[in-house]
Amino acid sequence: MSIGEFQLIDEFFRQEMGAEGVTLGIGDDCALLQVPEGESLAVSMDTLVGDVHFPANADPELIAERALRVNLSDLAAMGAKPLWFTLGLTMPKAERHWLQGFSTGLLRAAQSYDISLVGGDTTRGPLSVTIQVHGSVNPSQALMRGNANPGDRVFVSGPLGDGAAALAVIRQQLEVGKSAFDYFMGRYYRPKPQIELGKLLRGYASAALDISDGLISDLGHICNQSVVGAKLYLEQLPLSEPVNKLVDRAKALDWALSGGDDYQLCFTVPPANVQPLQDKIKNKGLVMIEVGEIVSGGELQCFYRGKQVRVNAKGFQHFGPEAT
């Protein structure tokens, strides 16, 4: 059964007031929000389109979780604390059952990361989800892409290639057992934005971003913004056990380098900060895996066991053949 827009908002998306910094939330023409004193507002927005960024017939709870979590990854990359988000939801028709699942998944993910829904819009059309996240960070500590320097070490926050492997499983290009299936679906629909790690990197890392389009493509953004080059040592790339069991080493490394959808952090750290940062994050149960170094020049080179190798330099392309 379809329902009207205002009833839809009231029934599924209105939250109780009292969230940090929210003077006026859902229900008026604008939300009124107060950024913590001394901090800047960090804002990021992504649109996820059905059958481009997720299967349109997927469980609506999982669609919602994925949509919010991948947006939160951008706040993590900036070292920002999540505060609020807005939702733009376009759908072919407003079905109560679908909306109940979507709102359940959305608010569950929001509670997990202590972020509040403060507004948005709903409309009719092909299924797409647009989320804008807002966070706060001291501007002097914000992590950016343009501050890497030659000699900095390159790290990632966890296994790479899981997102591409999950997509292959979803497309039924590969068959896996139940345990591996559950693992990959968790990595695809419930990626873990590295919020806590992002905050810990402040004052230690020189540059950072999240890995959404593939390590080669995303590390290339750091190189371009910082006007530097990089060397990647492929034997050091972290791969999950399910990926290692699913495909050979060459395919796993291809996924890790250019598959995308991993939402780990890639960050650079000056040599003097490496050990203090390792000690700090180890106490929090987090990890940082060294995979390369920043060098002079503008070239990103890959090495495997001491020999330079050529790799696929393309990451996920939103308007290329990989997006269809």
Protein backbone atom coordinates (compact mmCIF):
# COMPACT_ATOMS: atom_id res chain seq x y z
CA MET A 1 0.00 0.00 0.00
CA SER A 2 1.34 3.42 -0.98
CA ILE A 3 1.34 6.34 1.45
CA GLY A 4 1.76 10.12 1.16
CA GLU A 5 5.06 11.97 1.56
CA PHE A 6 4.34 13.69 4.87
CA GLN A 7 2.84 10.56 6.42
CA LEU A 8 5.91 8.67 5.17
CA ILE A 9 8.27 11.10 6.90
CA ASP A 10 6.32 11.13 10.15
CA GLU A 11 5.96 7.36 10.31
CA PHE A 12 9.41 6.20 9.27
CA PHE A 13 12.00 8.97 9.58
CA ARG A 14 11.10 11.41 12.33
CA GLN A 15 13.41 11.01 15.34
CA GLU A 16 13.18 12.23 18.89
CA MET A 17 14.88 15.57 19.55
CA GLY A 18 17.86 15.86 21.82
CA ALA A 19 20.69 14.98 19.44
CA GLU A 20 23.92 16.93 19.86
CA GLY A 21 23.81 20.38 18.26
CA VAL A 22 20.26 20.02 16.87
CA THR A 23 18.20 23.11 17.65
CA LEU A 24 15.47 22.20 15.16
CA GLY A 25 15.28 18.90 13.29
CA ILE A 26 12.84 17.18 10.95
CA GLY A 27 9.50 18.89 10.35
CA ASP A 28 10.32 22.45 9.31
CA ASP A 29 11.70 24.08 6.16
CA CYS A 30 15.26 23.80 7.44
CA ALA A 31 17.09 22.15 10.28
CA LEU A 32 18.91 24.43 12.71
CA LEU A 33 22.27 23.01 13.74
CA GLN A 34 25.05 24.24 16.01
CA VAL A 35 28.63 23.19 15.21
CA PRO A 36 30.80 22.61 18.32
CA GLU A 37 32.81 25.68 19.28
CA GLY A 38 36.23 25.91 17.67
CA GLU A 39 35.50 23.25 15.05
CA SER A 40 34.70 23.34 11.35
CA LEU A 41 31.82 21.59 9.62
CA ALA A 42 32.89 18.62 7.50
CA VAL A 43 30.33 17.82 4.80
CA SER A 44 30.20 15.04 2.22
CA MET A 45 27.46 13.69 -0.04
CA ASP A 46 27.08 10.56 -2.15
CA THR A 47 24.28 9.27 -4.36
CA LEU A 48 23.79 5.53 -4.67
CA VAL A 49 21.68 4.41 -7.64
CA GLY A 50 19.82 1.12 -7.83
CA ASP A 51 21.54 -1.46 -10.07
CA VAL A 52 24.63 0.77 -10.28
CA HIS A 53 25.83 0.98 -6.68
CA PHE A 54 23.64 -1.78 -5.23
CA PRO A 55 21.13 -4.34 -6.53
CA ALA A 56 17.75 -2.60 -6.64
CA ASN A 57 16.01 -5.77 -5.47
CA ALA A 58 18.21 -6.15 -2.38
CA ASP A 59 16.84 -6.17 1.16
CA PRO A 60 15.91 -2.52 1.91
CA GLU A 61 17.52 -2.77 5.37
CA LEU A 62 20.83 -3.61 3.70
CA ILE A 63 20.44 -0.89 1.07
CA ALA A 64 19.99 1.69 3.82
CA GLU A 65 22.92 0.43 5.90
CA ARG A 66 25.24 0.50 2.90
CA ALA A 67 24.13 3.98 1.87
CA LEU A 68 24.85 5.55 5.25
CA ARG A 69 28.00 3.60 6.03
CA VAL A 70 29.79 4.44 2.77
CA ASN A 71 29.03 8.13 3.36
CA LEU A 72 30.36 7.95 6.90
CA SER A 73 33.63 6.65 5.49
CA ASP A 74 34.28 10.12 4.05
CA LEU A 75 34.02 11.64 7.54
CA ALA A 76 36.47 9.03 8.79
CA ALA A 77 38.93 10.00 6.07
CA MET A 78 38.81 13.62 7.27
CA GLY A 79 39.23 12.64 10.94
CA ALA A 80 35.80 14.12 11.67
CA LYS A 81 33.26 13.21 14.31
CA PRO A 82 29.83 12.29 12.83
CA LEU A 83 27.00 14.60 13.87
CA TRP A 84 24.05 14.72 11.46
CA PHE A 85 22.88 13.59 8.04
CA THR A 86 20.15 14.33 5.52
CA LEU A 87 18.42 11.86 3.22
CA GLY A 88 17.18 12.24 -0.34
CA LEU A 89 15.16 9.12 -1.21
CA THR A 90 13.78 8.50 -4.70
CA MET A 91 11.69 5.36 -5.23
CA PRO A 92 9.24 4.04 -7.81
CA LYS A 93 6.44 3.90 -5.22
CA ALA A 94 6.06 4.32 -1.48
CA GLU A 95 5.40 0.85 -0.08
CA ARG A 96 5.03 0.56 3.68
CA HIS A 97 6.80 -2.80 3.91
CA TRP A 98 9.82 -1.56 1.94
CA LEU A 99 9.99 1.70 3.88
CA GLN A 100 9.79 -0.11 7.19
CA GLY A 101 12.83 -2.19 6.29
CA PHE A 102 14.74 0.78 4.87
CA SER A 103 14.10 3.01 7.88
CA THR A 104 15.01 0.17 10.27
CA GLY A 105 18.37 -0.35 8.58
CA LEU A 106 19.04 3.37 8.28
CA LEU A 107 18.36 4.20 11.91
CA ARG A 108 20.24 1.11 13.12
CA ALA A 109 23.35 2.25 11.26
CA ALA A 110 22.82 5.82 12.50
CA GLN A 111 22.68 4.65 16.12
CA SER A 112 25.83 2.57 15.63
CA TYR A 113 27.78 5.70 14.69
CA ASP A 114 25.91 8.23 16.85
CA ILE A 115 24.69 10.34 13.94
CA SER A 116 21.23 11.90 13.69
CA LEU A 117 18.87 12.30 10.73
CA VAL A 118 17.87 15.98 10.56
CA GLY A 119 16.07 16.38 7.24
CA GLY A 120 15.77 15.45 3.60
CA ASP A 121 13.30 14.84 0.81
CA THR A 122 11.37 12.00 -0.82
CA THR A 123 10.17 11.78 -4.40
CA ARG A 124 9.00 9.32 -7.06
CA GLY A 125 11.37 7.90 -9.67
CA PRO A 126 14.00 5.18 -10.23
CA LEU A 127 15.41 3.96 -6.92
CA SER A 128 18.29 6.08 -5.62
CA VAL A 129 19.53 7.13 -2.21
CA THR A 130 21.36 10.43 -1.62
CA ILE A 131 22.87 11.02 1.81
CA GLN A 132 24.74 14.08 2.98
CA VAL A 133 26.73 13.59 6.17
CA HIS A 134 27.89 16.36 8.49
CA GLY A 135 30.68 16.10 11.03
CA SER A 136 33.01 18.34 12.97
CA VAL A 137 36.76 18.58 13.23
CA ASN A 138 39.28 21.14 14.39
CA PRO A 139 40.46 22.70 11.10
CA SER A 140 44.09 22.52 12.20
CA GLN A 141 43.77 18.73 12.59
CA ALA A 142 41.63 17.84 9.58
CA LEU A 143 43.12 15.07 7.44
CA MET A 144 43.52 16.09 3.80
CA ARG A 145 44.87 14.61 0.60
CA GLY A 146 47.44 17.27 -0.20
CA ASN A 147 49.99 17.09 2.62
CA ALA A 148 51.97 13.92 1.86
CA ASN A 149 55.76 14.29 1.55
CA PRO A 150 58.58 12.15 0.15
CA GLY A 151 59.70 9.68 2.79
CA ASP A 152 56.23 9.26 4.32
CA ARG A 153 55.10 5.67 4.70
CA VAL A 154 51.82 4.52 3.13
CA PHE A 155 49.39 2.48 5.22
CA VAL A 156 45.94 0.93 4.87
CA SER A 157 43.55 0.07 7.68
CA GLY A 158 42.55 -3.47 6.70
CA PRO A 159 42.03 -6.07 3.97
CA LEU A 160 41.52 -4.96 0.38
CA GLY A 161 39.63 -6.69 -2.41
CA ASP A 162 36.64 -7.78 -0.34
CA GLY A 163 34.31 -5.29 -2.03
CA ALA A 164 35.14 -6.53 -5.54
CA ALA A 165 34.88 -10.14 -4.42
CA ALA A 166 31.48 -9.44 -2.87
CA LEU A 167 30.24 -7.89 -6.10
CA ALA A 168 31.37 -10.95 -8.07
CA VAL A 169 29.41 -13.14 -5.65
CA ILE A 170 26.32 -10.91 -5.88
CA ARG A 171 26.49 -11.11 -9.68
CA GLN A 172 26.74 -14.92 -9.37
CA GLN A 173 30.06 -14.91 -11.17
CA LEU A 174 31.57 -16.97 -8.34
CA GLU A 175 30.09 -19.55 -6.00
CA VAL A 176 31.00 -19.67 -2.31
CA GLY A 177 29.87 -21.54 0.79
CA LYS A 178 27.60 -20.04 3.42
CA SER A 179 30.37 -18.78 5.69
CA ALA A 180 32.16 -16.95 2.87
CA PHE A 181 28.84 -15.70 1.49
CA ASP A 182 27.92 -14.18 4.84
CA TYR A 183 31.37 -12.59 5.13
CA PHE A 184 31.22 -10.97 1.70
CA MET A 185 27.66 -9.74 2.12
CA GLY A 186 28.68 -8.17 5.41
CA ARG A 187 31.62 -6.42 3.77
CA TYR A 188 29.44 -5.17 0.90
CA TYR A 189 26.31 -4.06 2.72
CA ARG A 190 27.80 -3.25 6.13
CA PRO A 191 31.28 -1.85 5.50
CA LYS A 192 32.84 -0.43 8.65
CA PRO A 193 33.72 3.25 8.30
CA GLN A 194 36.95 3.78 10.21
CA ILE A 195 35.67 6.65 12.34
CA GLU A 196 37.76 5.90 15.43
CA LEU A 197 40.93 5.36 13.43
CA GLY A 198 40.36 8.61 11.54
CA LYS A 199 40.21 10.54 14.79
CA LEU A 200 43.35 8.82 16.07
CA LEU A 201 45.25 9.78 12.91
CA ARG A 202 44.87 13.48 13.67
CA GLY A 203 48.28 14.95 14.45
CA TYR A 204 50.10 11.85 13.18
CA ALA A 205 49.13 11.25 9.53
CA SER A 206 50.14 13.71 6.82
CA ALA A 207 47.38 12.76 4.35
CA ALA A 208 44.42 10.39 4.21
CA LEU A 209 41.39 9.28 2.21
CA ASP A 210 39.02 6.34 2.10
CA ILE A 211 39.38 3.57 -0.48
CA SER A 212 36.16 3.60 -2.47
CA ASP A 213 37.38 3.32 -6.07
CA GLY A 214 40.44 1.09 -5.56
CA LEU A 215 43.84 1.61 -3.95
CA ILE A 216 45.60 2.63 -7.19
CA SER A 217 42.99 5.23 -8.06
CA ASP A 218 42.60 6.60 -4.54
CA LEU A 219 46.29 6.71 -3.63
CA GLY A 220 46.69 8.46 -6.98
CA HIS A 221 44.49 11.26 -5.61
CA ILE A 222 46.91 11.76 -2.71
CA CYS A 223 49.83 11.79 -5.13
CA ASN A 224 48.13 14.31 -7.42
CA GLN A 225 47.04 16.62 -4.62
CA SER A 226 50.42 16.44 -2.85
CA VAL A 227 52.47 16.57 -6.09
CA VAL A 228 54.41 13.44 -5.18
CA GLY A 229 54.82 9.88 -6.37
CA ALA A 230 54.49 6.58 -4.53
CA LYS A 231 55.85 3.05 -4.49
CA LEU A 232 53.50 0.20 -3.60
CA TYR A 233 54.84 -3.18 -2.51
CA LEU A 234 52.17 -5.62 -3.62
CA GLU A 235 53.32 -8.54 -1.49
CA GLN A 236 52.46 -6.40 1.55
CA LEU A 237 48.83 -5.74 0.56
CA PRO A 238 46.49 -7.26 3.16
CA LEU A 239 44.04 -9.81 1.73
CA SER A 240 41.31 -11.54 3.70
CA GLU A 241 41.26 -15.30 4.09
CA PRO A 242 37.98 -15.62 2.14
CA VAL A 243 39.50 -13.76 -0.83
CA ASN A 244 42.67 -15.88 -0.73
CA LYS A 245 40.55 -19.03 -0.79
CA LEU A 246 38.29 -17.78 -3.56
CA VAL A 247 40.74 -16.77 -6.30
CA ASP A 248 44.42 -16.96 -7.20
CA ARG A 249 46.96 -14.39 -6.03
CA ALA A 250 46.95 -12.40 -9.28
CA LYS A 251 43.17 -11.94 -9.24
CA ALA A 252 43.16 -11.09 -5.54
CA LEU A 253 45.81 -8.39 -6.07
CA ASP A 254 43.85 -6.98 -9.02
CA TRP A 255 40.77 -6.69 -6.82
CA ALA A 256 42.82 -5.10 -4.04
CA LEU A 257 44.34 -2.51 -6.37
CA SER A 258 41.40 -1.55 -8.57
CA GLY A 259 38.23 -3.28 -7.37
CA GLY A 260 36.94 -0.55 -5.07
CA ASP A 261 34.16 -0.67 -2.46
CA ASP A 262 36.52 -1.54 0.41
CA TYR A 263 36.07 1.64 2.52
CA GLN A 264 39.32 1.15 4.36
CA LEU A 265 41.49 4.19 4.98
CA CYS A 266 44.69 4.84 3.06
CA PHE A 267 46.99 7.25 4.88
CA THR A 268 50.55 8.51 4.86
CA VAL A 269 52.68 8.96 7.96
CA PRO A 270 56.04 10.70 8.43
CA PRO A 271 58.69 8.18 9.64
CA ALA A 272 59.02 9.86 13.06
CA ASN A 273 55.30 9.40 13.70
CA VAL A 274 55.02 5.76 12.69
CA GLN A 275 55.91 4.08 15.98
CA PRO A 276 53.97 6.49 18.22
CA LEU A 277 50.91 6.03 16.01
CA GLN A 278 51.27 2.25 15.98
CA ASP A 279 51.42 2.23 19.76
CA LYS A 280 48.37 4.47 20.00
CA ILE A 281 46.11 2.50 17.68
CA LYS A 282 47.22 -0.89 18.98
CA ASN A 283 45.80 0.05 22.37
CA LYS A 284 42.45 0.63 20.64
CA GLY A 285 42.43 -2.75 18.88
CA LEU A 286 42.90 -1.18 15.44
CA VAL A 287 45.51 -1.96 12.81
CA MET A 288 47.67 -0.17 10.25
CA ILE A 289 49.41 -2.15 7.51
CA GLU A 290 52.35 -0.60 5.69
CA VAL A 291 52.07 -1.06 1.92
CA GLY A 292 54.43 1.50 0.41
CA GLU A 293 56.15 4.86 0.60
CA ILE A 294 55.83 8.34 -0.83
CA VAL A 295 58.61 9.41 -3.22
CA SER A 296 59.52 12.47 -5.25
CA GLY A 297 58.03 12.90 -8.71
CA GLY A 298 54.50 12.22 -9.86
CA GLU A 299 54.61 8.51 -10.70
CA LEU A 300 52.87 5.72 -8.81
CA GLN A 301 54.92 2.53 -9.21
CA CYS A 302 54.09 -1.01 -8.15
CA PHE A 303 56.62 -3.64 -7.13
CA TYR A 304 56.22 -7.33 -6.41
CA ARG A 305 59.07 -9.02 -4.55
CA GLY A 306 61.53 -6.37 -5.69
CA LYS A 307 60.53 -6.25 -9.36
CA GLN A 308 58.49 -3.42 -10.87
CA VAL A 309 55.23 -4.63 -12.40
CA ARG A 310 52.50 -3.10 -14.53
CA VAL A 311 49.00 -3.15 -13.08
CA ASN A 312 45.49 -2.12 -14.07
CA ALA A 313 45.42 1.57 -13.21
CA LYS A 314 41.64 1.98 -13.39
CA GLY A 315 39.44 2.03 -10.34
CA PHE A 316 35.66 2.03 -10.27
CA GLN A 317 34.33 4.33 -12.99
CA HIS A 318 30.83 5.65 -12.34
CA PHE A 319 30.12 6.23 -16.03
CA GLY A 320 32.33 3.51 -17.50
CA PRO A 321 31.58 -0.12 -18.37
CA GLU A 322 32.34 -1.24 -14.81
CA ALA A 323 29.32 0.75 -13.60
CA THR A 324 26.76 -1.14 -15.67
